[in-house]
Amino acid sequence: MEAVTIYIDETVTRGRREKVADIVMACNGVTAVGHYDENPHLMMIEYNPYSVTSHELLRVILGQGLRAEVIGL
């Protein structure tokens, strides 16, 4: 397993973060997604690198109309 932290540039509501997290969690190879009210711009994703890459996960988030970037591998 590997983990990546993605920074979401804009401020989004908890409900929107939960929706995005559900979409990311549905991706093949993703085992966990974390997002917290204390750090609403950060989303931590644990995934199997043989099934999906961090950049593919970033594209999923960008596909939700958010501006985001990978900040940790």
Protein backbone atom coordinates (compact mmCIF):
# COMPACT_ATOMS: atom_id res chain seq x y z
CA MET A 1 0.00 0.00 0.00
CA GLU A 2 1.01 3.59 -0.61
CA ALA A 3 -0.47 6.87 0.52
CA VAL A 4 -0.79 10.29 -1.04
CA THR A 5 -1.95 13.63 0.31
CA ILE A 6 -3.85 15.89 -2.03
CA TYR A 7 -4.35 19.59 -1.38
CA ILE A 8 -7.69 20.96 -2.54
CA ASP A 9 -7.18 24.63 -3.38
CA GLU A 10 -10.67 25.92 -2.71
CA THR A 11 -12.70 25.71 0.47
CA VAL A 12 -15.46 23.13 0.10
CA THR A 13 -18.18 22.07 2.48
CA ARG A 14 -17.97 18.90 4.50
CA GLY A 15 -20.75 17.41 2.39
CA ARG A 16 -18.87 18.12 -0.82
CA ARG A 17 -15.67 16.61 0.65
CA GLU A 18 -17.63 13.51 1.62
CA LYS A 19 -19.05 13.20 -1.90
CA VAL A 20 -15.58 13.53 -3.44
CA ALA A 21 -14.18 11.04 -0.92
CA ASP A 22 -16.90 8.54 -1.87
CA ILE A 23 -16.04 8.93 -5.55
CA VAL A 24 -12.32 8.42 -4.83
CA MET A 25 -13.08 5.45 -2.57
CA ALA A 26 -14.95 3.81 -5.46
CA CYS A 27 -11.77 3.80 -7.56
CA ASN A 28 -10.16 0.42 -8.09
CA GLY A 29 -7.25 -0.02 -5.67
CA VAL A 30 -8.24 2.64 -3.13
CA THR A 31 -8.38 1.22 0.40
CA ALA A 32 -8.99 4.35 2.51
CA VAL A 33 -9.76 8.04 2.15
CA GLY A 34 -9.42 10.53 4.97
CA HIS A 35 -10.54 14.14 5.20
CA TYR A 36 -10.98 16.14 8.37
CA ASP A 37 -12.75 19.34 9.38
CA GLU A 38 -9.55 20.56 11.08
CA ASN A 39 -7.71 20.48 7.72
CA PRO A 40 -10.45 20.84 5.11
CA HIS A 41 -8.03 21.37 2.23
CA LEU A 42 -6.30 18.01 2.70
CA MET A 43 -7.41 14.60 1.52
CA MET A 44 -5.31 11.57 2.39
CA ILE A 45 -5.69 8.50 0.20
CA GLU A 46 -4.31 5.01 0.75
CA TYR A 47 -4.13 2.91 -2.38
CA ASN A 48 -2.57 -0.07 -4.11
CA PRO A 49 -0.02 1.31 -6.60
CA TYR A 50 -0.45 -1.78 -8.78
CA SER A 51 -4.07 -0.83 -9.38
CA VAL A 52 -4.03 2.99 -9.54
CA THR A 53 -1.50 5.83 -9.45
CA SER A 54 -1.53 8.99 -7.36
CA HIS A 55 -1.88 11.05 -10.53
CA GLU A 56 -4.92 9.07 -11.63
CA LEU A 57 -6.47 9.79 -8.23
CA LEU A 58 -5.68 13.47 -8.66
CA ARG A 59 -7.43 13.40 -12.05
CA VAL A 60 -10.53 11.94 -10.36
CA ILE A 61 -10.61 14.89 -7.94
CA LEU A 62 -9.96 17.40 -10.72
CA GLY A 63 -12.81 15.76 -12.62
CA GLN A 64 -15.14 16.89 -9.83
CA GLY A 65 -14.49 20.51 -10.77
CA LEU A 66 -11.98 21.15 -7.99
CA ARG A 67 -8.52 22.64 -8.22
CA ALA A 68 -6.08 20.35 -6.46
CA GLU A 69 -2.50 19.14 -6.42
CA VAL A 70 -0.49 16.23 -5.03
CA ILE A 71 1.58 17.44 -2.09
CA GLY A 72 2.79 14.19 -0.56
CA LEU A 73 3.69 10.73 -1.73
